N, C-alpha and C. Protein backbone atom coordinates (compact mmCIF):
# COMPACT_ATOMS: atom_id res chain seq x y z
N MET A 1 -3.47 23.51 -14.58
CA MET A 1 -2.23 24.16 -14.28
C MET A 1 -2.14 24.52 -12.80
N GLN A 2 -3.24 24.99 -12.22
CA GLN A 2 -3.27 25.38 -10.86
C GLN A 2 -2.94 24.17 -9.94
N LYS A 3 -3.40 22.99 -10.36
CA LYS A 3 -3.16 21.76 -9.60
C LYS A 3 -1.67 21.47 -9.54
N TYR A 4 -0.93 21.67 -10.65
CA TYR A 4 0.52 21.39 -10.66
C TYR A 4 1.26 22.39 -9.76
N LYS A 5 0.81 23.62 -9.73
CA LYS A 5 1.45 24.62 -8.86
C LYS A 5 1.28 24.21 -7.40
N LEU A 6 0.12 23.77 -7.03
CA LEU A 6 -0.16 23.34 -5.68
C LEU A 6 0.68 22.13 -5.32
N VAL A 7 0.82 21.17 -6.19
CA VAL A 7 1.67 20.00 -5.94
C VAL A 7 3.10 20.41 -5.80
N GLY A 8 3.59 21.33 -6.63
CA GLY A 8 4.96 21.83 -6.53
C GLY A 8 5.25 22.54 -5.21
N VAL A 9 4.32 23.41 -4.78
CA VAL A 9 4.45 24.10 -3.52
C VAL A 9 4.48 23.08 -2.35
N ALA A 10 3.59 22.10 -2.40
CA ALA A 10 3.57 21.06 -1.32
C ALA A 10 4.87 20.29 -1.30
N PHE A 11 5.40 19.96 -2.44
CA PHE A 11 6.67 19.21 -2.52
C PHE A 11 7.80 20.01 -1.91
N VAL A 12 7.91 21.27 -2.22
CA VAL A 12 8.96 22.14 -1.69
C VAL A 12 8.78 22.28 -0.17
N ALA A 13 7.53 22.42 0.27
CA ALA A 13 7.27 22.55 1.74
C ALA A 13 7.71 21.29 2.48
N VAL A 14 7.48 20.14 1.89
CA VAL A 14 7.91 18.87 2.54
C VAL A 14 9.43 18.80 2.60
N LEU A 15 10.10 19.20 1.51
CA LEU A 15 11.57 19.20 1.51
C LEU A 15 12.16 20.11 2.60
N LEU A 16 11.57 21.27 2.77
CA LEU A 16 12.14 22.27 3.65
C LEU A 16 11.66 22.13 5.09
N ALA A 17 10.62 21.37 5.32
CA ALA A 17 10.11 21.22 6.70
C ALA A 17 11.01 20.30 7.49
N GLY A 18 10.80 20.32 8.79
CA GLY A 18 11.50 19.38 9.67
C GLY A 18 12.57 20.05 10.50
N ALA A 19 13.61 19.28 10.74
CA ALA A 19 14.70 19.72 11.63
C ALA A 19 15.37 20.97 11.12
N PRO A 20 15.99 21.74 12.00
CA PRO A 20 16.76 22.89 11.58
C PRO A 20 17.92 22.43 10.68
N GLY A 21 18.36 23.34 9.84
CA GLY A 21 19.39 22.96 8.88
C GLY A 21 20.76 22.94 9.50
N TYR A 22 21.40 21.80 9.44
CA TYR A 22 22.81 21.66 9.80
C TYR A 22 23.35 20.39 9.20
N ALA A 23 24.60 20.39 8.90
CA ALA A 23 25.21 19.26 8.24
C ALA A 23 25.44 18.12 9.20
N GLN A 24 24.97 16.96 8.85
CA GLN A 24 25.12 15.82 9.73
C GLN A 24 25.53 14.57 8.95
N GLN A 25 26.24 14.72 7.86
CA GLN A 25 26.61 13.51 7.13
C GLN A 25 27.52 12.66 7.98
N LYS A 26 27.27 11.36 7.89
CA LYS A 26 28.05 10.36 8.63
C LYS A 26 28.55 9.32 7.68
N LYS A 27 29.48 8.52 8.16
CA LYS A 27 30.02 7.43 7.38
C LYS A 27 28.88 6.51 6.99
N GLY A 28 28.78 6.15 5.69
CA GLY A 28 27.72 5.25 5.23
C GLY A 28 26.53 5.93 4.66
N ASP A 29 26.38 7.29 4.80
CA ASP A 29 25.28 8.01 4.24
C ASP A 29 25.41 8.09 2.71
N THR A 30 24.29 8.20 2.04
CA THR A 30 24.29 8.46 0.60
C THR A 30 23.63 9.80 0.34
N GLU A 31 23.91 10.36 -0.82
CA GLU A 31 23.46 11.70 -1.14
C GLU A 31 23.04 11.72 -2.61
N LEU A 32 21.93 12.28 -2.93
CA LEU A 32 21.47 12.50 -4.30
C LEU A 32 21.56 13.99 -4.62
N ILE A 33 22.26 14.30 -5.69
CA ILE A 33 22.47 15.70 -6.07
C ILE A 33 21.92 15.90 -7.48
N ALA A 34 21.12 16.91 -7.67
CA ALA A 34 20.60 17.30 -8.99
C ALA A 34 21.04 18.73 -9.21
N ASN A 35 21.74 18.99 -10.32
CA ASN A 35 22.17 20.36 -10.57
C ASN A 35 22.16 20.70 -12.04
N VAL A 36 22.28 21.96 -12.31
CA VAL A 36 22.46 22.44 -13.68
C VAL A 36 23.84 23.10 -13.74
N SER A 37 24.45 23.07 -14.92
CA SER A 37 25.78 23.64 -15.05
C SER A 37 25.93 24.37 -16.35
N PHE A 38 26.83 25.31 -16.35
CA PHE A 38 27.29 25.95 -17.56
C PHE A 38 28.76 25.64 -17.70
N ASN A 39 29.17 25.09 -18.85
CA ASN A 39 30.56 24.72 -19.06
C ASN A 39 31.08 25.48 -20.28
N SER A 40 32.30 25.93 -20.19
CA SER A 40 32.93 26.60 -21.32
C SER A 40 34.29 25.96 -21.57
N SER A 41 34.57 25.76 -22.85
CA SER A 41 35.86 25.18 -23.25
C SER A 41 36.61 26.26 -24.02
N PHE A 42 37.79 26.60 -23.55
CA PHE A 42 38.56 27.66 -24.16
C PHE A 42 39.43 27.08 -25.28
N THR A 43 38.79 26.85 -26.42
CA THR A 43 39.47 26.29 -27.58
C THR A 43 39.21 27.25 -28.77
N SER A 44 39.66 26.83 -29.91
CA SER A 44 39.34 27.62 -31.09
C SER A 44 38.60 26.70 -32.06
N PRO A 45 37.33 26.93 -32.33
CA PRO A 45 36.49 27.98 -31.77
C PRO A 45 36.06 27.61 -30.36
N ALA A 46 35.78 28.63 -29.56
CA ALA A 46 35.31 28.42 -28.20
C ALA A 46 33.96 27.73 -28.24
N SER A 47 33.68 26.90 -27.24
CA SER A 47 32.38 26.25 -27.17
C SER A 47 31.90 26.25 -25.72
N GLY A 48 30.64 25.98 -25.56
CA GLY A 48 30.02 25.95 -24.21
C GLY A 48 28.92 24.98 -24.20
N SER A 49 28.44 24.64 -23.00
CA SER A 49 27.32 23.75 -22.89
C SER A 49 26.50 24.08 -21.64
N PHE A 50 25.25 23.74 -21.72
CA PHE A 50 24.31 23.86 -20.60
C PHE A 50 23.90 22.45 -20.29
N GLN A 51 24.09 22.01 -19.03
CA GLN A 51 23.82 20.60 -18.74
C GLN A 51 23.03 20.42 -17.45
N VAL A 52 22.35 19.30 -17.36
CA VAL A 52 21.65 18.85 -16.17
C VAL A 52 22.31 17.57 -15.70
N THR A 53 22.62 17.49 -14.41
CA THR A 53 23.37 16.38 -13.90
C THR A 53 22.60 15.72 -12.73
N GLY A 54 22.61 14.39 -12.71
CA GLY A 54 22.10 13.64 -11.58
C GLY A 54 23.25 12.85 -10.98
N ILE A 55 23.60 13.10 -9.71
CA ILE A 55 24.78 12.53 -9.10
C ILE A 55 24.38 11.79 -7.84
N LEU A 56 25.02 10.62 -7.64
CA LEU A 56 24.84 9.88 -6.42
C LEU A 56 26.19 9.87 -5.68
N GLY A 57 26.15 10.21 -4.37
CA GLY A 57 27.35 10.26 -3.58
C GLY A 57 27.29 9.28 -2.46
N TYR A 58 28.43 8.79 -1.98
CA TYR A 58 28.52 7.90 -0.85
C TYR A 58 29.63 8.38 0.08
N PHE A 59 29.31 8.63 1.36
CA PHE A 59 30.28 9.05 2.34
C PHE A 59 30.98 7.82 2.92
N TYR A 60 32.25 7.61 2.57
CA TYR A 60 32.96 6.47 3.15
C TYR A 60 33.67 6.85 4.44
N THR A 61 33.73 8.13 4.77
CA THR A 61 34.03 8.66 6.11
C THR A 61 33.12 9.84 6.28
N GLU A 62 33.17 10.49 7.43
CA GLU A 62 32.32 11.66 7.65
C GLU A 62 32.66 12.82 6.70
N GLN A 63 33.90 12.91 6.27
CA GLN A 63 34.29 14.03 5.44
C GLN A 63 34.58 13.65 3.98
N ARG A 64 34.79 12.38 3.69
CA ARG A 64 35.18 11.97 2.36
C ARG A 64 33.99 11.31 1.62
N GLU A 65 33.80 11.75 0.37
CA GLU A 65 32.65 11.28 -0.41
C GLU A 65 33.12 10.94 -1.84
N ILE A 66 32.65 9.81 -2.38
CA ILE A 66 32.85 9.54 -3.77
C ILE A 66 31.51 9.81 -4.48
N ILE A 67 31.63 10.32 -5.71
CA ILE A 67 30.42 10.69 -6.46
C ILE A 67 30.45 10.11 -7.87
N GLY A 68 29.30 9.94 -8.47
CA GLY A 68 29.19 9.52 -9.83
C GLY A 68 27.80 9.80 -10.36
N GLY A 69 27.68 10.05 -11.63
CA GLY A 69 26.36 10.32 -12.19
C GLY A 69 26.33 10.54 -13.65
N LEU A 70 25.15 10.74 -14.16
CA LEU A 70 24.92 10.98 -15.61
C LEU A 70 24.70 12.48 -15.90
N VAL A 71 25.13 12.87 -17.06
CA VAL A 71 25.03 14.29 -17.50
C VAL A 71 24.33 14.30 -18.83
N GLY A 72 23.37 15.19 -18.97
CA GLY A 72 22.72 15.39 -20.25
C GLY A 72 22.67 16.87 -20.59
N GLY A 73 22.83 17.24 -21.82
CA GLY A 73 22.80 18.68 -22.11
C GLY A 73 22.86 19.04 -23.57
N VAL A 74 23.07 20.29 -23.79
CA VAL A 74 23.16 20.87 -25.14
C VAL A 74 24.50 21.59 -25.25
N THR A 75 25.27 21.25 -26.29
CA THR A 75 26.55 21.92 -26.55
C THR A 75 26.36 22.88 -27.70
N PHE A 76 26.96 24.06 -27.58
CA PHE A 76 26.87 25.07 -28.62
C PHE A 76 28.22 25.67 -28.93
N GLY A 77 28.36 26.26 -30.06
CA GLY A 77 29.65 26.76 -30.55
C GLY A 77 30.21 25.75 -31.52
N GLY A 78 30.40 26.14 -32.76
CA GLY A 78 30.84 25.20 -33.78
C GLY A 78 29.75 24.18 -34.11
N GLY A 79 28.49 24.59 -33.94
CA GLY A 79 27.33 23.70 -34.18
C GLY A 79 26.71 23.35 -32.84
N THR A 80 25.39 23.13 -32.88
CA THR A 80 24.66 22.77 -31.65
C THR A 80 24.34 21.32 -31.68
N GLN A 81 24.56 20.62 -30.53
CA GLN A 81 24.22 19.19 -30.45
C GLN A 81 23.83 18.82 -29.04
N THR A 82 23.02 17.78 -28.89
CA THR A 82 22.69 17.29 -27.57
C THR A 82 23.71 16.18 -27.21
N ASN A 83 23.92 15.99 -25.95
CA ASN A 83 24.89 14.97 -25.56
C ASN A 83 24.52 14.34 -24.21
N ILE A 84 25.02 13.13 -23.99
CA ILE A 84 24.86 12.42 -22.72
C ILE A 84 26.26 11.95 -22.32
N GLY A 85 26.62 12.21 -21.07
CA GLY A 85 27.94 11.84 -20.57
C GLY A 85 27.89 11.38 -19.16
N ALA A 86 29.04 11.40 -18.48
CA ALA A 86 29.13 10.91 -17.09
C ALA A 86 30.16 11.71 -16.34
N LEU A 87 30.02 11.62 -15.02
CA LEU A 87 30.88 12.34 -14.08
C LEU A 87 31.24 11.41 -12.92
N PHE A 88 32.54 11.29 -12.59
CA PHE A 88 32.96 10.50 -11.44
C PHE A 88 33.96 11.32 -10.68
N GLY A 89 33.88 11.29 -9.33
CA GLY A 89 34.83 12.13 -8.61
C GLY A 89 34.86 11.85 -7.12
N TYR A 90 35.49 12.80 -6.42
CA TYR A 90 35.78 12.69 -5.00
C TYR A 90 35.61 14.06 -4.39
N ARG A 91 35.05 14.14 -3.18
CA ARG A 91 34.91 15.38 -2.45
C ARG A 91 35.40 15.20 -1.03
N TYR A 92 36.09 16.22 -0.53
CA TYR A 92 36.53 16.27 0.83
C TYR A 92 35.81 17.45 1.49
N ASN A 93 34.90 17.14 2.43
CA ASN A 93 34.13 18.18 3.08
C ASN A 93 34.93 18.76 4.24
N LEU A 94 35.11 20.06 4.28
CA LEU A 94 35.83 20.74 5.31
C LEU A 94 34.92 20.91 6.53
N LYS A 95 35.44 21.48 7.58
CA LYS A 95 34.63 21.70 8.81
C LYS A 95 33.45 22.60 8.49
N PRO A 96 32.26 22.28 9.00
CA PRO A 96 31.07 23.11 8.81
C PRO A 96 31.28 24.53 9.35
N ARG A 97 30.65 25.50 8.70
CA ARG A 97 30.67 26.89 9.11
C ARG A 97 29.24 27.31 9.38
N GLU A 98 29.02 28.57 9.82
CA GLU A 98 27.69 29.16 10.01
C GLU A 98 26.78 28.25 10.85
N ASN A 99 27.23 27.93 12.05
CA ASN A 99 26.46 27.07 12.94
C ASN A 99 26.15 25.70 12.34
N GLY A 100 27.06 25.20 11.55
CA GLY A 100 26.90 23.88 10.96
C GLY A 100 26.05 23.80 9.70
N LYS A 101 25.57 24.93 9.23
CA LYS A 101 24.68 24.94 8.02
C LYS A 101 25.50 24.94 6.74
N MET A 102 26.65 25.56 6.73
CA MET A 102 27.43 25.69 5.52
C MET A 102 28.66 24.79 5.58
N VAL A 103 28.83 23.95 4.53
CA VAL A 103 29.95 23.04 4.46
C VAL A 103 30.72 23.29 3.17
N PRO A 104 31.90 23.90 3.26
CA PRO A 104 32.71 24.05 2.07
C PRO A 104 33.39 22.72 1.75
N TYR A 105 33.75 22.53 0.48
CA TYR A 105 34.43 21.31 0.06
C TYR A 105 35.38 21.57 -1.08
N VAL A 106 36.34 20.69 -1.21
CA VAL A 106 37.24 20.66 -2.36
C VAL A 106 37.18 19.28 -2.95
N GLY A 107 37.50 19.15 -4.22
CA GLY A 107 37.45 17.84 -4.82
C GLY A 107 37.96 17.83 -6.22
N GLY A 108 37.66 16.76 -6.88
CA GLY A 108 38.08 16.61 -8.30
C GLY A 108 37.17 15.63 -8.96
N ASP A 109 37.10 15.66 -10.29
CA ASP A 109 36.29 14.71 -11.00
C ASP A 109 36.85 14.48 -12.39
N VAL A 110 36.40 13.40 -12.96
CA VAL A 110 36.69 13.10 -14.37
C VAL A 110 35.31 13.18 -15.06
N PHE A 111 35.22 14.01 -16.07
CA PHE A 111 33.97 14.34 -16.70
C PHE A 111 34.02 14.00 -18.15
N VAL A 112 33.24 13.02 -18.59
CA VAL A 112 33.14 12.64 -20.00
C VAL A 112 31.92 13.36 -20.55
N SER A 113 32.14 14.35 -21.44
CA SER A 113 31.03 15.20 -21.83
C SER A 113 30.07 14.57 -22.82
N ASP A 114 30.49 13.51 -23.51
CA ASP A 114 29.58 12.89 -24.51
C ASP A 114 30.02 11.47 -24.79
N PHE A 115 29.08 10.50 -24.70
CA PHE A 115 29.38 9.12 -25.00
C PHE A 115 29.46 8.86 -26.53
N THR A 116 28.95 9.78 -27.33
CA THR A 116 28.94 9.61 -28.78
C THR A 116 29.60 10.84 -29.43
N PRO A 117 30.94 10.92 -29.37
CA PRO A 117 31.61 12.10 -29.93
C PRO A 117 31.42 12.19 -31.44
N SER A 118 31.55 13.40 -31.96
CA SER A 118 31.39 13.60 -33.41
C SER A 118 32.58 12.99 -34.15
N GLN A 119 32.38 12.83 -35.46
CA GLN A 119 33.41 12.23 -36.30
C GLN A 119 34.74 12.93 -36.15
N GLY A 120 35.83 12.19 -35.94
CA GLY A 120 37.13 12.78 -35.83
C GLY A 120 37.52 13.26 -34.45
N THR A 121 36.60 13.08 -33.48
CA THR A 121 36.87 13.45 -32.09
C THR A 121 36.99 12.21 -31.25
N GLY A 122 38.10 12.11 -30.55
CA GLY A 122 38.29 10.92 -29.67
C GLY A 122 37.68 11.18 -28.32
N VAL A 123 37.39 10.10 -27.58
CA VAL A 123 36.80 10.21 -26.26
C VAL A 123 37.69 10.99 -25.34
N ALA A 124 39.02 10.83 -25.46
CA ALA A 124 39.97 11.58 -24.61
C ALA A 124 39.84 13.08 -24.85
N ASP A 125 39.46 13.51 -26.06
CA ASP A 125 39.34 14.92 -26.39
C ASP A 125 38.14 15.55 -25.67
N ILE A 126 37.16 14.78 -25.28
CA ILE A 126 36.00 15.31 -24.59
C ILE A 126 35.87 14.79 -23.17
N THR A 127 37.02 14.31 -22.66
CA THR A 127 37.09 13.86 -21.26
C THR A 127 37.99 14.86 -20.53
N PHE A 128 37.46 15.45 -19.44
CA PHE A 128 38.17 16.47 -18.68
C PHE A 128 38.49 15.97 -17.29
N ALA A 129 39.67 16.31 -16.78
CA ALA A 129 40.04 16.11 -15.38
C ALA A 129 39.94 17.49 -14.73
N ASP A 130 39.08 17.60 -13.70
CA ASP A 130 38.79 18.91 -13.12
C ASP A 130 39.14 18.92 -11.61
N GLY A 131 39.55 20.04 -11.13
CA GLY A 131 39.61 20.35 -9.71
C GLY A 131 38.45 21.29 -9.36
N GLN A 132 37.85 21.13 -8.20
CA GLN A 132 36.71 21.93 -7.88
C GLN A 132 36.68 22.41 -6.44
N VAL A 133 36.05 23.54 -6.23
CA VAL A 133 35.75 24.06 -4.88
C VAL A 133 34.26 24.37 -4.87
N GLY A 134 33.65 24.12 -3.73
CA GLY A 134 32.21 24.36 -3.62
C GLY A 134 31.79 24.50 -2.19
N VAL A 135 30.44 24.65 -2.08
CA VAL A 135 29.87 24.82 -0.74
C VAL A 135 28.45 24.24 -0.77
N LYS A 136 28.06 23.62 0.31
CA LYS A 136 26.68 23.18 0.53
C LYS A 136 26.11 24.02 1.66
N TYR A 137 24.89 24.51 1.48
CA TYR A 137 24.23 25.26 2.53
C TYR A 137 22.96 24.44 2.89
N TYR A 138 22.95 23.86 4.10
CA TYR A 138 21.86 23.03 4.53
C TYR A 138 20.64 23.82 4.96
N LEU A 139 19.50 23.53 4.31
CA LEU A 139 18.23 24.16 4.69
C LEU A 139 17.57 23.42 5.82
N ASN A 140 17.79 22.11 5.90
CA ASN A 140 17.38 21.28 7.02
C ASN A 140 18.32 20.09 7.09
N ARG A 141 17.96 19.13 7.90
CA ARG A 141 18.85 17.97 8.13
C ARG A 141 19.22 17.25 6.83
N ASN A 142 18.33 17.21 5.86
CA ASN A 142 18.57 16.40 4.66
C ASN A 142 18.77 17.21 3.39
N VAL A 143 18.34 18.46 3.28
CA VAL A 143 18.34 19.19 2.05
C VAL A 143 19.35 20.33 2.11
N ALA A 144 20.18 20.41 1.04
CA ALA A 144 21.17 21.47 0.95
C ALA A 144 21.18 22.06 -0.47
N ILE A 145 21.49 23.34 -0.53
CA ILE A 145 21.79 24.00 -1.84
C ILE A 145 23.29 23.72 -2.07
N ASP A 146 23.64 23.25 -3.25
CA ASP A 146 24.99 22.86 -3.58
C ASP A 146 25.47 23.66 -4.75
N GLY A 147 26.60 24.34 -4.62
CA GLY A 147 27.16 25.08 -5.73
C GLY A 147 28.68 24.89 -5.77
N ASN A 148 29.22 24.83 -6.99
CA ASN A 148 30.69 24.71 -7.10
C ASN A 148 31.17 25.24 -8.45
N VAL A 149 32.44 25.50 -8.49
CA VAL A 149 33.11 25.85 -9.75
C VAL A 149 34.28 24.92 -9.91
N SER A 150 34.59 24.60 -11.15
CA SER A 150 35.74 23.70 -11.39
C SER A 150 36.49 24.17 -12.65
N ILE A 151 37.74 23.84 -12.70
CA ILE A 151 38.59 24.15 -13.85
C ILE A 151 39.42 22.90 -14.10
N GLY A 152 39.58 22.58 -15.37
CA GLY A 152 40.35 21.37 -15.72
C GLY A 152 40.83 21.43 -17.16
N PHE A 153 41.31 20.30 -17.62
CA PHE A 153 41.84 20.20 -18.97
C PHE A 153 41.41 18.93 -19.61
N ALA A 154 41.34 18.90 -20.95
CA ALA A 154 40.98 17.70 -21.72
C ALA A 154 42.15 16.71 -21.68
N LEU A 155 41.86 15.45 -21.45
CA LEU A 155 42.87 14.45 -21.36
C LEU A 155 43.55 14.22 -22.73
N GLY A 156 42.84 14.40 -23.82
CA GLY A 156 43.44 14.20 -25.14
C GLY A 156 44.22 15.39 -25.66
N ASP A 157 43.97 16.56 -25.12
CA ASP A 157 44.61 17.78 -25.56
C ASP A 157 44.79 18.70 -24.36
N PHE A 158 45.96 18.66 -23.72
CA PHE A 158 46.15 19.37 -22.52
C PHE A 158 46.05 20.88 -22.69
N GLY A 159 46.02 21.36 -23.96
CA GLY A 159 45.87 22.79 -24.21
C GLY A 159 44.43 23.24 -24.14
N THR A 160 43.47 22.29 -24.08
CA THR A 160 42.07 22.65 -23.99
C THR A 160 41.68 22.74 -22.53
N VAL A 161 41.33 23.92 -22.11
CA VAL A 161 40.95 24.18 -20.70
C VAL A 161 39.45 24.34 -20.60
N GLY A 162 38.86 23.74 -19.60
CA GLY A 162 37.43 23.85 -19.40
C GLY A 162 37.12 24.47 -18.06
N LEU A 163 36.03 25.27 -18.00
CA LEU A 163 35.58 25.89 -16.76
C LEU A 163 34.10 25.57 -16.60
N SER A 164 33.71 25.15 -15.39
CA SER A 164 32.29 24.83 -15.11
C SER A 164 31.82 25.52 -13.90
N ALA A 165 30.55 25.87 -13.91
CA ALA A 165 29.86 26.40 -12.70
C ALA A 165 28.56 25.60 -12.56
N ARG A 166 28.38 25.03 -11.37
CA ARG A 166 27.21 24.15 -11.15
C ARG A 166 26.43 24.66 -9.93
N MET A 167 25.10 24.52 -9.99
CA MET A 167 24.23 24.88 -8.87
C MET A 167 23.07 23.91 -8.84
N GLY A 168 22.67 23.48 -7.61
CA GLY A 168 21.58 22.53 -7.52
C GLY A 168 21.20 22.23 -6.08
N LEU A 169 20.47 21.14 -5.93
CA LEU A 169 20.02 20.68 -4.60
C LEU A 169 20.61 19.33 -4.30
N ALA A 170 20.94 19.12 -3.05
CA ALA A 170 21.43 17.82 -2.56
C ALA A 170 20.48 17.32 -1.52
N TYR A 171 20.19 16.01 -1.53
CA TYR A 171 19.36 15.39 -0.52
C TYR A 171 20.14 14.26 0.13
N LEU A 172 20.32 14.32 1.45
CA LEU A 172 21.11 13.37 2.21
C LEU A 172 20.21 12.27 2.75
N PHE A 173 20.57 11.00 2.41
CA PHE A 173 19.85 9.83 2.93
C PHE A 173 20.71 9.20 4.03
N PRO A 174 20.32 9.37 5.29
CA PRO A 174 21.15 8.79 6.37
C PRO A 174 21.15 7.25 6.30
N ARG A 175 22.25 6.70 6.68
CA ARG A 175 22.38 5.24 6.73
C ARG A 175 21.37 4.73 7.76
N LYS A 176 20.89 3.54 7.52
CA LYS A 176 19.87 2.95 8.41
C LYS A 176 20.44 2.87 9.85
N GLY A 177 19.59 3.11 10.82
CA GLY A 177 20.00 3.07 12.21
C GLY A 177 20.47 4.42 12.77
N GLN A 178 20.41 5.47 11.96
CA GLN A 178 20.80 6.81 12.46
C GLN A 178 19.61 7.64 12.85
């Protein structure tokens, strides 16, 4: 067990070491984001989920990014089940704040909460269109803490409103030649 703690500490030290933290995303950069989220659906009965997401982003300009990834988690309320879904979206990064370390963003995504919906539930009923606001705080050139909140509605039932809060780490891979 002690060995795993040492490996974990070394891994975190490598992530955080290096250049001072400031946002330097450029056109052509890619980004890997790992986060956890809590989602709540305001339906009757109300339901919620805890999920882990792996997202890959691509900056097609310095400020505009497209994202996509897989989502896995546990849904509770009206029965507990595990699920696997997907997330696709867009982010617009605003001007950096706090000496370039903090980058607020706005965006939107389409979130399919489960590829295998339960009997009687259509895919549109578990697909949400969300608007989001968030912020990345860069710890160094490549590593940022990423957090956002989003609110949206189910495509199959516009009366179903969903709210999500996500927090995680982002790692920026600069395009070759930078």
